[in-house]
């Protein structure tokens, strides 16, 4: 009886895994894809329990299938050690972007401000900017005078974009009507770059699929050279994440590992068993050199810090994936 229950559980996990590969047919299937890593591990464990019994053939088939599914997510696994970033080009300035989901009711806002002060990024993209955060961010207005805060209808899940560098002359920052996306053209030493902060809703049955459609025009309007970061509530292999990349004409940066888990669980589990749903996109003259997950700041998301350079000609390099990430580091607080 126990073996039969394990078989049923293994078949259910396998079916959920398979459904995740058909996200293009309906967003309900794409919702399963977000848990592909976890379902693959669970399916494999259940299969191992059956290898010595009468269901060994079914177990072997499920085990092979689980391994094959897991392989499709390996780019999002946390690395066991820091990877040396490529050398920074001597003829280009290196810039940095800090992406954070602040958590609308974060009990430790000073940790956020401390991280900003220590990393000193050129530009910051923020999610879940509530009324509380409008006040807290005022404390760093002197360091980041160029900013735009976009309100979400519920006053909780707004986005914001802060910059130490000025907005390009003749341009003005803007908010998507429902406050899910903030954009600004920033002057990086004479090179105008469109920078965007984005925050997507949860997957189906929540409104993520329809929200991406509503953002299609704003995504397509981003300039030839642009960088965008945010809490996408979508893993990098999902149809949702690839759809955002396609609509914006951008390349999705290879994941640096899990960045979110339920806030009641410890930080250690977030890094190794969470979901990689904080994404960075780039195109044109942007070359991302390195990325890192930073320390916990009181949110249920880990901050992400990326370093990048710019080419004045705005042309994309021959290898788009190299432009998305020249080197990837995922150790806590490691910078390239």
C-alpha atoms as a PDB file:
ATOM      1  CA  UNK A   1       0.000   0.000   0.000  1.00  0.00           C
ATOM      2  CA  UNK A   2       2.818   2.404   0.885  1.00  0.00           C
ATOM      3  CA  UNK A   3       4.588   1.645  -2.405  1.00  0.00           C
ATOM      4  CA  UNK A   4       1.427   2.395  -4.325  1.00  0.00           C
ATOM      5  CA  UNK A   5       1.046   5.740  -2.575  1.00  0.00           C
ATOM      6  CA  UNK A   6       4.640   6.610  -3.426  1.00  0.00           C
ATOM      7  CA  UNK A   7       4.003   5.682  -7.064  1.00  0.00           C
ATOM      8  CA  UNK A   8       0.946   7.928  -7.175  1.00  0.00           C
ATOM      9  CA  UNK A   9       2.907  10.809  -5.631  1.00  0.00           C
ATOM     10  CA  UNK A  10       5.753  10.254  -8.099  1.00  0.00           C
ATOM     11  CA  UNK A  11       3.339  10.265 -11.028  1.00  0.00           C
ATOM     12  CA  UNK A  12       1.670  13.438  -9.784  1.00  0.00           C
ATOM     13  CA  UNK A  13       5.028  15.223  -9.492  1.00  0.00           C
ATOM     14  CA  UNK A  14       6.039  13.988 -12.944  1.00  0.00           C
ATOM     15  CA  UNK A  15       2.774  15.274 -14.414  1.00  0.00           C
ATOM     16  CA  UNK A  16       3.327  18.681 -12.797  1.00  0.00           C
ATOM     17  CA  UNK A  17       6.857  18.749 -14.189  1.00  0.00           C
ATOM     18  CA  UNK A  18       5.614  17.923 -17.671  1.00  0.00           C
ATOM     19  CA  UNK A  19       2.881  20.565 -17.498  1.00  0.00           C
ATOM     20  CA  UNK A  20       5.517  23.228 -16.825  1.00  0.00           C
ATOM     21  CA  UNK A  21       6.940  22.771 -20.317  1.00  0.00           C
ATOM     22  CA  UNK A  22       3.650  23.794 -21.941  1.00  0.00           C
ATOM     23  CA  UNK A  23       3.440  27.307 -20.530  1.00  0.00           C
ATOM     24  CA  UNK A  24       3.094  28.764 -24.013  1.00  0.00           C
ATOM     25  CA  UNK A  25      -0.300  27.083 -24.308  1.00  0.00           C
ATOM     26  CA  UNK A  26      -1.769  28.559 -21.140  1.00  0.00           C
ATOM     27  CA  UNK A  27      -0.341  30.532 -18.195  1.00  0.00           C
ATOM     28  CA  UNK A  28      -1.666  27.858 -15.822  1.00  0.00           C
ATOM     29  CA  UNK A  29       0.972  25.465 -17.169  1.00  0.00           C
ATOM     30  CA  UNK A  30       3.661  28.115 -16.791  1.00  0.00           C
ATOM     31  CA  UNK A  31       2.835  28.343 -13.087  1.00  0.00           C
ATOM     32  CA  UNK A  32       4.104  24.779 -12.682  1.00  0.00           C
ATOM     33  CA  UNK A  33       7.413  25.700 -14.331  1.00  0.00           C
ATOM     34  CA  UNK A  34       8.365  27.986 -11.444  1.00  0.00           C
ATOM     35  CA  UNK A  35       8.725  24.950  -9.185  1.00  0.00           C
ATOM     36  CA  UNK A  36      10.658  22.822 -11.646  1.00  0.00           C
ATOM     37  CA  UNK A  37      13.744  22.562  -9.447  1.00  0.00           C
ATOM     38  CA  UNK A  38      11.744  21.502  -6.408  1.00  0.00           C
ATOM     39  CA  UNK A  39       9.501  19.096  -8.294  1.00  0.00           C
ATOM     40  CA  UNK A  40      12.528  17.514  -9.978  1.00  0.00           C
ATOM     41  CA  UNK A  41      14.212  16.849  -6.641  1.00  0.00           C
ATOM     42  CA  UNK A  42      11.008  15.510  -5.083  1.00  0.00           C
ATOM     43  CA  UNK A  43      10.320  13.233  -8.058  1.00  0.00           C
ATOM     44  CA  UNK A  44      13.874  11.887  -7.922  1.00  0.00           C
ATOM     45  CA  UNK A  45      13.646  11.184  -4.194  1.00  0.00           C
ATOM     46  CA  UNK A  46      10.355   9.332  -4.613  1.00  0.00           C
ATOM     47  CA  UNK A  47      11.820   7.335  -7.504  1.00  0.00           C
ATOM     48  CA  UNK A  48      14.819   6.316  -5.399  1.00  0.00           C
ATOM     49  CA  UNK A  49      12.475   4.872  -2.796  1.00  0.00           C
ATOM     50  CA  UNK A  50      11.000   2.560  -5.445  1.00  0.00           C
ATOM     51  CA  UNK A  51      14.156   1.300  -7.127  1.00  0.00           C
ATOM     52  CA  UNK A  52      14.341  -1.869  -5.038  1.00  0.00           C
ATOM     53  CA  UNK A  53      10.678  -2.809  -5.402  1.00  0.00           C
ATOM     54  CA  UNK A  54       8.269  -4.060  -8.062  1.00  0.00           C
ATOM     55  CA  UNK A  55       7.900  -0.570  -9.539  1.00  0.00           C
ATOM     56  CA  UNK A  56      11.585  -0.244 -10.407  1.00  0.00           C
ATOM     57  CA  UNK A  57      10.967   0.305 -14.143  1.00  0.00           C
ATOM     58  CA  UNK A  58       8.572   3.170 -13.448  1.00  0.00           C
ATOM     59  CA  UNK A  59      11.054   4.536 -10.914  1.00  0.00           C
ATOM     60  CA  UNK A  60      13.936   4.482 -13.396  1.00  0.00           C
ATOM     61  CA  UNK A  61      11.831   6.276 -16.009  1.00  0.00           C
ATOM     62  CA  UNK A  62      10.735   8.921 -13.506  1.00  0.00           C
ATOM     63  CA  UNK A  63      14.297   9.354 -12.242  1.00  0.00           C
ATOM     64  CA  UNK A  64      15.665   9.937 -15.752  1.00  0.00           C
ATOM     65  CA  UNK A  65      12.842  12.375 -16.482  1.00  0.00           C
ATOM     66  CA  UNK A  66      13.454  14.276 -13.213  1.00  0.00           C
ATOM     67  CA  UNK A  67      17.166  14.587 -13.960  1.00  0.00           C
ATOM     68  CA  UNK A  68      16.445  15.847 -17.477  1.00  0.00           C
ATOM     69  CA  UNK A  69      14.032  18.457 -16.090  1.00  0.00           C
ATOM     70  CA  UNK A  70      16.487  19.542 -13.434  1.00  0.00           C
ATOM     71  CA  UNK A  71      19.201  20.089 -16.033  1.00  0.00           C
ATOM     72  CA  UNK A  72      17.067  22.795 -17.657  1.00  0.00           C
ATOM     73  CA  UNK A  73      17.337  24.838 -14.436  1.00  0.00           C
ATOM     74  CA  UNK A  74      21.035  24.437 -13.687  1.00  0.00           C
ATOM     75  CA  UNK A  75      21.792  27.996 -14.770  1.00  0.00           C
ATOM     76  CA  UNK A  76      19.809  29.179 -11.764  1.00  0.00           C
ATOM     77  CA  UNK A  77      21.632  27.071  -9.180  1.00  0.00           C
ATOM     78  CA  UNK A  78      23.776  28.851  -6.580  1.00  0.00           C
ATOM     79  CA  UNK A  79      27.482  28.350  -7.136  1.00  0.00           C
ATOM     80  CA  UNK A  80      29.434  26.713  -4.336  1.00  0.00           C
ATOM     81  CA  UNK A  81      32.270  29.207  -4.626  1.00  0.00           C
ATOM     82  CA  UNK A  82      32.828  32.657  -6.032  1.00  0.00           C
ATOM     83  CA  UNK A  83      33.640  32.796  -9.721  1.00  0.00           C
ATOM     84  CA  UNK A  84      36.301  35.265 -10.740  1.00  0.00           C
ATOM     85  CA  UNK A  85      34.810  38.041 -12.833  1.00  0.00           C
ATOM     86  CA  UNK A  86      36.409  39.013 -16.117  1.00  0.00           C
ATOM     87  CA  UNK A  87      38.828  41.869 -15.922  1.00  0.00           C
ATOM     88  CA  UNK A  88      37.183  45.253 -16.086  1.00  0.00           C
ATOM     89  CA  UNK A  89      37.960  47.015 -19.364  1.00  0.00           C
ATOM     90  CA  UNK A  90      40.674  49.587 -18.763  1.00  0.00           C
ATOM     91  CA  UNK A  91      39.179  51.968 -21.303  1.00  0.00           C
ATOM     92  CA  UNK A  92      35.643  51.966 -19.850  1.00  0.00           C
ATOM     93  CA  UNK A  93      34.062  53.115 -16.615  1.00  0.00           C
ATOM     94  CA  UNK A  94      32.365  50.444 -14.526  1.00  0.00           C
ATOM     95  CA  UNK A  95      28.892  51.270 -13.225  1.00  0.00           C
ATOM     96  CA  UNK A  96      26.682  49.425 -10.779  1.00  0.00           C
ATOM     97  CA  UNK A  97      22.970  48.792 -10.294  1.00  0.00           C
ATOM     98  CA  UNK A  98      21.362  47.561  -7.085  1.00  0.00           C
ATOM     99  CA  UNK A  99      18.009  45.780  -7.371  1.00  0.00           C
ATOM    100  CA  UNK A 100      15.910  45.356  -4.221  1.00  0.00           C
ATOM    101  CA  UNK A 101      12.433  44.243  -3.326  1.00  0.00           C
ATOM    102  CA  UNK A 102      12.181  46.318  -0.163  1.00  0.00           C
ATOM    103  CA  UNK A 103       9.202  44.490   1.383  1.00  0.00           C
ATOM    104  CA  UNK A 104       6.396  46.993   1.979  1.00  0.00           C
ATOM    105  CA  UNK A 105       6.435  46.477   5.765  1.00  0.00           C
ATOM    106  CA  UNK A 106      10.151  45.787   6.237  1.00  0.00           C
ATOM    107  CA  UNK A 107      10.901  46.023   9.980  1.00  0.00           C
ATOM    108  CA  UNK A 108      14.561  46.950   9.417  1.00  0.00           C
ATOM    109  CA  UNK A 109      14.698  49.813   6.885  1.00  0.00           C
ATOM    110  CA  UNK A 110      18.056  50.978   8.233  1.00  0.00           C
ATOM    111  CA  UNK A 111      19.628  47.761   6.923  1.00  0.00           C
ATOM    112  CA  UNK A 112      18.511  48.773   3.437  1.00  0.00           C
ATOM    113  CA  UNK A 113      19.973  52.254   3.763  1.00  0.00           C
ATOM    114  CA  UNK A 114      23.192  50.798   5.179  1.00  0.00           C
ATOM    115  CA  UNK A 115      23.582  48.440   2.208  1.00  0.00           C
ATOM    116  CA  UNK A 116      23.028  51.314  -0.203  1.00  0.00           C
ATOM    117  CA  UNK A 117      25.638  53.375   1.610  1.00  0.00           C
ATOM    118  CA  UNK A 118      28.230  50.580   1.537  1.00  0.00           C
ATOM    119  CA  UNK A 119      27.717  49.494  -2.072  1.00  0.00           C
ATOM    120  CA  UNK A 120      27.211  53.044  -3.379  1.00  0.00           C
ATOM    121  CA  UNK A 121      25.519  51.959  -6.634  1.00  0.00           C
ATOM    122  CA  UNK A 122      25.069  54.396  -9.505  1.00  0.00           C
ATOM    123  CA  UNK A 123      21.416  53.478  -9.877  1.00  0.00           C
ATOM    124  CA  UNK A 124      18.895  51.621  -7.709  1.00  0.00           C
ATOM    125  CA  UNK A 125      15.723  49.818  -8.805  1.00  0.00           C
ATOM    126  CA  UNK A 126      13.179  49.183  -6.053  1.00  0.00           C
ATOM    127  CA  UNK A 127       9.983  47.157  -5.635  1.00  0.00           C
ATOM    128  CA  UNK A 128       7.231  47.175  -2.990  1.00  0.00           C
ATOM    129  CA  UNK A 129       7.740  50.867  -2.320  1.00  0.00           C
ATOM    130  CA  UNK A 130       5.012  51.677   0.219  1.00  0.00           C
ATOM    131  CA  UNK A 131       4.282  54.952   1.971  1.00  0.00           C
ATOM    132  CA  UNK A 132       6.740  53.985   4.695  1.00  0.00           C
ATOM    133  CA  UNK A 133       9.520  53.732   2.136  1.00  0.00           C
ATOM    134  CA  UNK A 134       8.771  57.125   0.608  1.00  0.00           C
ATOM    135  CA  UNK A 135       9.835  58.591   3.954  1.00  0.00           C
ATOM    136  CA  UNK A 136      12.861  56.327   4.460  1.00  0.00           C
ATOM    137  CA  UNK A 137      14.200  56.994   0.961  1.00  0.00           C
ATOM    138  CA  UNK A 138      14.040  60.689   1.717  1.00  0.00           C
ATOM    139  CA  UNK A 139      17.058  60.237   3.989  1.00  0.00           C
ATOM    140  CA  UNK A 140      19.274  59.505   0.978  1.00  0.00           C
ATOM    141  CA  UNK A 141      17.834  62.196  -1.295  1.00  0.00           C
ATOM    142  CA  UNK A 142      21.134  64.070  -1.136  1.00  0.00           C
ATOM    143  CA  UNK A 143      23.077  61.092  -2.462  1.00  0.00           C
ATOM    144  CA  UNK A 144      20.374  60.119  -4.976  1.00  0.00           C
ATOM    145  CA  UNK A 145      18.690  63.335  -6.082  1.00  0.00           C
ATOM    146  CA  UNK A 146      17.439  61.956  -9.398  1.00  0.00           C
ATOM    147  CA  UNK A 147      14.467  59.736  -8.687  1.00  0.00           C
ATOM    148  CA  UNK A 148      10.965  58.675  -9.554  1.00  0.00           C
ATOM    149  CA  UNK A 149       8.503  56.847  -7.302  1.00  0.00           C
ATOM    150  CA  UNK A 150       5.506  55.167  -8.910  1.00  0.00           C
ATOM    151  CA  UNK A 151       2.449  54.402  -6.782  1.00  0.00           C
ATOM    152  CA  UNK A 152       0.571  51.118  -7.147  1.00  0.00           C
ATOM    153  CA  UNK A 153      -3.220  51.306  -6.754  1.00  0.00           C
ATOM    154  CA  UNK A 154      -3.084  49.607  -3.347  1.00  0.00           C
ATOM    155  CA  UNK A 155      -0.312  51.921  -2.115  1.00  0.00           C
ATOM    156  CA  UNK A 156       1.940  48.969  -1.268  1.00  0.00           C
ATOM    157  CA  UNK A 157       3.532  47.481  -4.372  1.00  0.00           C
ATOM    158  CA  UNK A 158       4.908  50.585  -6.071  1.00  0.00           C
ATOM    159  CA  UNK A 159       8.271  50.781  -7.833  1.00  0.00           C
ATOM    160  CA  UNK A 160      11.013  53.387  -7.700  1.00  0.00           C
ATOM    161  CA  UNK A 161      14.181  54.318  -9.515  1.00  0.00           C
ATOM    162  CA  UNK A 162      16.970  56.294  -7.811  1.00  0.00           C
ATOM    163  CA  UNK A 163      20.112  57.597  -9.480  1.00  0.00           C
ATOM    164  CA  UNK A 164      23.270  59.418  -8.509  1.00  0.00           C
ATOM    165  CA  UNK A 165      23.653  60.402 -12.150  1.00  0.00           C
ATOM    166  CA  UNK A 166      21.396  62.964 -13.833  1.00  0.00           C
ATOM    167  CA  UNK A 167      18.560  62.237 -16.183  1.00  0.00           C
ATOM    168  CA  UNK A 168      19.523  62.875 -19.793  1.00  0.00           C
ATOM    169  CA  UNK A 169      18.820  66.403 -20.985  1.00  0.00           C
ATOM    170  CA  UNK A 170      15.437  66.819 -22.598  1.00  0.00           C
ATOM    171  CA  UNK A 171      14.007  63.641 -21.027  1.00  0.00           C
ATOM    172  CA  UNK A 172      11.715  63.018 -18.103  1.00  0.00           C
ATOM    173  CA  UNK A 173      11.156  59.863 -16.034  1.00  0.00           C
ATOM    174  CA  UNK A 174       7.811  58.130 -16.282  1.00  0.00           C
ATOM    175  CA  UNK A 175       5.522  55.620 -14.592  1.00  0.00           C
ATOM    176  CA  UNK A 176       3.425  52.924 -16.176  1.00  0.00           C
ATOM    177  CA  UNK A 177      -0.212  53.858 -15.388  1.00  0.00           C
ATOM    178  CA  UNK A 178      -0.671  51.142 -12.762  1.00  0.00           C
ATOM    179  CA  UNK A 179       2.702  51.722 -11.115  1.00  0.00           C
ATOM    180  CA  UNK A 180       4.312  48.414 -12.075  1.00  0.00           C
ATOM    181  CA  UNK A 181       7.169  49.968 -14.048  1.00  0.00           C
ATOM    182  CA  UNK A 182       9.311  53.098 -13.736  1.00  0.00           C
ATOM    183  CA  UNK A 183      11.596  54.300 -16.531  1.00  0.00           C
ATOM    184  CA  UNK A 184      14.180  57.043 -16.926  1.00  0.00           C
ATOM    185  CA  UNK A 185      16.905  57.905 -19.409  1.00  0.00           C
ATOM    186  CA  UNK A 186      20.061  58.406 -17.369  1.00  0.00           C
ATOM    187  CA  UNK A 187      23.208  60.178 -18.513  1.00  0.00           C
ATOM    188  CA  UNK A 188      26.195  57.909 -17.852  1.00  0.00           C
ATOM    189  CA  UNK A 189      29.101  60.161 -18.701  1.00  0.00           C
ATOM    190  CA  UNK A 190      27.505  61.362 -21.912  1.00  0.00           C
ATOM    191  CA  UNK A 191      25.947  58.019 -22.843  1.00  0.00           C
ATOM    192  CA  UNK A 192      22.136  57.982 -22.488  1.00  0.00           C
ATOM    193  CA  UNK A 193      20.817  54.706 -21.137  1.00  0.00           C
ATOM    194  CA  UNK A 194      17.188  53.765 -20.544  1.00  0.00           C
ATOM    195  CA  UNK A 195      16.883  52.285 -17.059  1.00  0.00           C
ATOM    196  CA  UNK A 196      13.710  50.582 -15.851  1.00  0.00           C
ATOM    197  CA  UNK A 197      12.423  49.135 -12.595  1.00  0.00           C
ATOM    198  CA  UNK A 198       9.708  46.506 -12.956  1.00  0.00           C
ATOM    199  CA  UNK A 199       7.523  44.551 -10.540  1.00  0.00           C
ATOM    200  CA  UNK A 200       5.250  41.843 -11.870  1.00  0.00           C
ATOM    201  CA  UNK A 201       2.338  40.232 -10.078  1.00  0.00           C
ATOM    202  CA  UNK A 202       2.218  36.567  -9.103  1.00  0.00           C
ATOM    203  CA  UNK A 203       1.703  33.950 -11.837  1.00  0.00           C
ATOM    204  CA  UNK A 204      -1.656  32.508 -12.867  1.00  0.00           C
ATOM    205  CA  UNK A 205      -4.269  32.483 -11.382  1.00  0.00           C
ATOM    206  CA  UNK A 206      -3.016  35.938 -10.383  1.00  0.00           C
ATOM    207  CA  UNK A 207      -2.677  38.630 -13.021  1.00  0.00           C
ATOM    208  CA  UNK A 208       0.934  38.241 -14.188  1.00  0.00           C
ATOM    209  CA  UNK A 209       0.058  37.037 -17.705  1.00  0.00           C
ATOM    210  CA  UNK A 210      -2.346  39.918 -18.363  1.00  0.00           C
ATOM    211  CA  UNK A 211      -0.055  42.442 -16.675  1.00  0.00           C
ATOM    212  CA  UNK A 212       2.808  41.631 -19.051  1.00  0.00           C
ATOM    213  CA  UNK A 213       0.428  42.291 -21.927  1.00  0.00           C
ATOM    214  CA  UNK A 214      -0.480  45.660 -20.427  1.00  0.00           C
ATOM    215  CA  UNK A 215       3.231  46.500 -20.169  1.00  0.00           C
ATOM    216  CA  UNK A 216       3.997  45.500 -23.765  1.00  0.00           C
ATOM    217  CA  UNK A 217       4.013  49.067 -25.073  1.00  0.00           C
ATOM    218  CA  UNK A 218       6.187  50.355 -22.224  1.00  0.00           C
ATOM    219  CA  UNK A 219       8.618  47.478 -22.674  1.00  0.00           C
ATOM    220  CA  UNK A 220       8.854  48.022 -26.428  1.00  0.00           C
ATOM    221  CA  UNK A 221       9.453  51.749 -25.887  1.00  0.00           C
ATOM    222  CA  UNK A 222      12.778  51.176 -24.111  1.00  0.00           C
ATOM    223  CA  UNK A 223      15.674  52.587 -26.116  1.00  0.00           C
ATOM    224  CA  UNK A 224      18.364  50.715 -28.015  1.00  0.00           C
ATOM    225  CA  UNK A 225      20.664  50.718 -24.986  1.00  0.00           C
ATOM    226  CA  UNK A 226      18.861  49.801 -21.794  1.00  0.00           C
ATOM    227  CA  UNK A 227      19.026  47.885 -18.529  1.00  0.00           C
ATOM    228  CA  UNK A 228      16.012  46.758 -16.516  1.00  0.00           C
ATOM    229  CA  UNK A 229      15.758  44.990 -13.168  1.00  0.00           C
ATOM    230  CA  UNK A 230      13.015  43.928 -10.846  1.00  0.00           C
ATOM    231  CA  UNK A 231      11.046  41.333  -8.975  1.00  0.00           C
ATOM    232  CA  UNK A 232       9.424  39.492 -11.861  1.00  0.00           C
ATOM    233  CA  UNK A 233       7.820  36.763  -9.748  1.00  0.00           C
ATOM    234  CA  UNK A 234       8.972  34.511 -12.580  1.00  0.00           C
ATOM    235  CA  UNK A 235      11.918  32.143 -12.860  1.00  0.00           C
ATOM    236  CA  UNK A 236      14.331  32.644 -15.781  1.00  0.00           C
ATOM    237  CA  UNK A 237      13.229  29.523 -17.683  1.00  0.00           C
ATOM    238  CA  UNK A 238       9.535  30.441 -17.514  1.00  0.00           C
ATOM    239  CA  UNK A 239       7.503  31.625 -20.485  1.00  0.00           C
ATOM    240  CA  UNK A 240       6.703  34.784 -18.501  1.00  0.00           C
ATOM    241  CA  UNK A 241      10.354  35.822 -18.144  1.00  0.00           C
ATOM    242  CA  UNK A 242      11.110  35.009 -21.773  1.00  0.00           C
ATOM    243  CA  UNK A 243       8.041  36.983 -22.842  1.00  0.00           C
ATOM    244  CA  UNK A 244       9.271  40.078 -21.010  1.00  0.00           C
ATOM    245  CA  UNK A 245      12.651  39.697 -22.720  1.00  0.00           C
ATOM    246  CA  UNK A 246      11.021  39.320 -26.138  1.00  0.00           C
ATOM    247  CA  UNK A 247       8.683  42.291 -25.762  1.00  0.00           C
ATOM    248  CA  UNK A 248      11.515  44.540 -24.599  1.00  0.00           C
ATOM    249  CA  UNK A 249      14.063  43.234 -27.092  1.00  0.00           C
ATOM    250  CA  UNK A 250      16.402  42.528 -24.185  1.00  0.00           C
ATOM    251  CA  UNK A 251      18.564  39.630 -23.060  1.00  0.00           C
ATOM    252  CA  UNK A 252      17.799  38.033 -19.716  1.00  0.00           C
ATOM    253  CA  UNK A 253      20.855  37.870 -17.488  1.00  0.00           C
ATOM    254  CA  UNK A 254      21.710  34.311 -16.399  1.00  0.00           C
ATOM    255  CA  UNK A 255      20.380  33.779 -12.908  1.00  0.00           C
ATOM    256  CA  UNK A 256      22.628  34.055  -9.876  1.00  0.00           C
ATOM    257  CA  UNK A 257      20.540  31.620  -7.858  1.00  0.00           C
ATOM    258  CA  UNK A 258      17.503  31.752  -5.587  1.00  0.00           C
ATOM    259  CA  UNK A 259      16.561  35.180  -4.243  1.00  0.00           C
ATOM    260  CA  UNK A 260      13.136  34.613  -2.634  1.00  0.00           C
ATOM    261  CA  UNK A 261      11.508  32.334  -0.119  1.00  0.00           C
ATOM    262  CA  UNK A 262       8.712  32.868   2.348  1.00  0.00           C
ATOM    263  CA  UNK A 263       9.904  35.337   4.962  1.00  0.00           C
ATOM    264  CA  UNK A 264       9.226  32.950   7.855  1.00  0.00           C
ATOM    265  CA  UNK A 265      11.999  30.655   6.608  1.00  0.00           C
ATOM    266  CA  UNK A 266      15.689  31.295   7.339  1.00  0.00           C
ATOM    267  CA  UNK A 267      18.022  33.155   5.023  1.00  0.00           C
ATOM    268  CA  UNK A 268      20.107  30.029   4.447  1.00  0.00           C
ATOM    269  CA  UNK A 269      17.178  28.214   2.860  1.00  0.00           C
ATOM    270  CA  UNK A 270      16.416  31.210   0.660  1.00  0.00           C
ATOM    271  CA  UNK A 271      19.847  30.956  -0.913  1.00  0.00           C
ATOM    272  CA  UNK A 272      19.690  27.249  -1.666  1.00  0.00           C
ATOM    273  CA  UNK A 273      16.017  26.263  -1.831  1.00  0.00           C
ATOM    274  CA  UNK A 274      14.261  29.489  -2.796  1.00  0.00           C
ATOM    275  CA  UNK A 275      13.070  30.727  -6.179  1.00  0.00           C
ATOM    276  CA  UNK A 276      15.253  32.786  -8.573  1.00  0.00           C
ATOM    277  CA  UNK A 277      12.625  35.434  -9.393  1.00  0.00           C
ATOM    278  CA  UNK A 278      14.631  38.710  -9.294  1.00  0.00           C
ATOM    279  CA  UNK A 279      15.774  39.308 -12.857  1.00  0.00           C
ATOM    280  CA  UNK A 280      18.018  41.696 -14.785  1.00  0.00           C
ATOM    281  CA  UNK A 281      17.642  42.404 -18.514  1.00  0.00           C
ATOM    282  CA  UNK A 282      19.935  44.363 -20.823  1.00  0.00           C
ATOM    283  CA  UNK A 283      20.469  45.274 -24.459  1.00  0.00           C
ATOM    284  CA  UNK A 284      22.499  47.459 -26.787  1.00  0.00           C
ATOM    285  CA  UNK A 285      25.672  48.966 -25.389  1.00  0.00           C
ATOM    286  CA  UNK A 286      25.295  47.403 -21.930  1.00  0.00           C
ATOM    287  CA  UNK A 287      27.790  44.691 -20.968  1.00  0.00           C
ATOM    288  CA  UNK A 288      27.156  43.169 -17.555  1.00  0.00           C
ATOM    289  CA  UNK A 289      30.432  42.163 -15.920  1.00  0.00           C
ATOM    290  CA  UNK A 290      29.351  40.543 -12.670  1.00  0.00           C
ATOM    291  CA  UNK A 291      26.434  39.947 -10.355  1.00  0.00           C
ATOM    292  CA  UNK A 292      26.030  39.052  -6.703  1.00  0.00           C
ATOM    293  CA  UNK A 293      23.336  38.330  -4.189  1.00  0.00           C
ATOM    294  CA  UNK A 294      23.790  40.553  -1.183  1.00  0.00           C
ATOM    295  CA  UNK A 295      22.964  39.994   2.474  1.00  0.00           C
ATOM    296  CA  UNK A 296      19.491  39.905   3.961  1.00  0.00           C
ATOM    297  CA  UNK A 297      18.038  43.371   4.618  1.00  0.00           C
ATOM    298  CA  UNK A 298      14.734  42.401   6.212  1.00  0.00           C
ATOM    299  CA  UNK A 299      12.840  41.573   3.025  1.00  0.00           C
ATOM    300  CA  UNK A 300      11.779  38.162   1.773  1.00  0.00           C
ATOM    301  CA  UNK A 301      14.009  38.870  -1.264  1.00  0.00           C
ATOM    302  CA  UNK A 302      17.777  39.145  -1.419  1.00  0.00           C
ATOM    303  CA  UNK A 303      19.206  42.287  -3.050  1.00  0.00           C
ATOM    304  CA  UNK A 304      21.051  41.812  -6.341  1.00  0.00           C
ATOM    305  CA  UNK A 305      24.059  43.933  -7.305  1.00  0.00           C
ATOM    306  CA  UNK A 306      25.318  44.015 -10.890  1.00  0.00           C
ATOM    307  CA  UNK A 307      28.288  45.798 -12.435  1.00  0.00           C
ATOM    308  CA  UNK A 308      28.280  46.806 -16.073  1.00  0.00           C
ATOM    309  CA  UNK A 309      30.092  48.861 -18.673  1.00  0.00           C
ATOM    310  CA  UNK A 310      28.798  50.827 -21.630  1.00  0.00           C
ATOM    311  CA  UNK A 311      29.890  51.131 -25.233  1.00  0.00           C
ATOM    312  CA  UNK A 312      29.340  54.532 -26.741  1.00  0.00           C
ATOM    313  CA  UNK A 313      28.425  53.060 -30.138  1.00  0.00           C
ATOM    314  CA  UNK A 314      25.474  51.262 -28.554  1.00  0.00           C
ATOM    315  CA  UNK A 315      26.020  48.144 -30.644  1.00  0.00           C
ATOM    316  CA  UNK A 316      25.431  44.788 -29.033  1.00  0.00           C
ATOM    317  CA  UNK A 317      28.413  42.407 -28.856  1.00  0.00           C
ATOM    318  CA  UNK A 318      28.545  39.327 -31.055  1.00  0.00           C
ATOM    319  CA  UNK A 319      27.497  37.060 -28.183  1.00  0.00           C
ATOM    320  CA  UNK A 320      24.238  38.289 -26.633  1.00  0.00           C
ATOM    321  CA  UNK A 321      24.586  35.899 -23.724  1.00  0.00           C
ATOM    322  CA  UNK A 322      28.012  37.324 -22.960  1.00  0.00           C
ATOM    323  CA  UNK A 323      26.478  40.782 -22.906  1.00  0.00           C
ATOM    324  CA  UNK A 324      23.935  39.570 -20.378  1.00  0.00           C
ATOM    325  CA  UNK A 325      26.622  38.367 -18.013  1.00  0.00           C
ATOM    326  CA  UNK A 326      30.323  38.293 -18.608  1.00  0.00           C
ATOM    327  CA  UNK A 327      30.894  36.686 -15.225  1.00  0.00           C
ATOM    328  CA  UNK A 328      28.602  35.551 -12.473  1.00  0.00           C
ATOM    329  CA  UNK A 329      29.244  35.584  -8.720  1.00  0.00           C
ATOM    330  CA  UNK A 330      26.724  34.461  -6.183  1.00  0.00           C
ATOM    331  CA  UNK A 331      28.590  34.456  -2.897  1.00  0.00           C
ATOM    332  CA  UNK A 332      27.175  36.792  -0.283  1.00  0.00           C
ATOM    333  CA  UNK A 333      28.301  40.314  -0.884  1.00  0.00           C
ATOM    334  CA  UNK A 334      30.889  39.316  -3.507  1.00  0.00           C
ATOM    335  CA  UNK A 335      31.622  41.927  -6.115  1.00  0.00           C
ATOM    336  CA  UNK A 336      33.428  41.457  -9.391  1.00  0.00           C
END
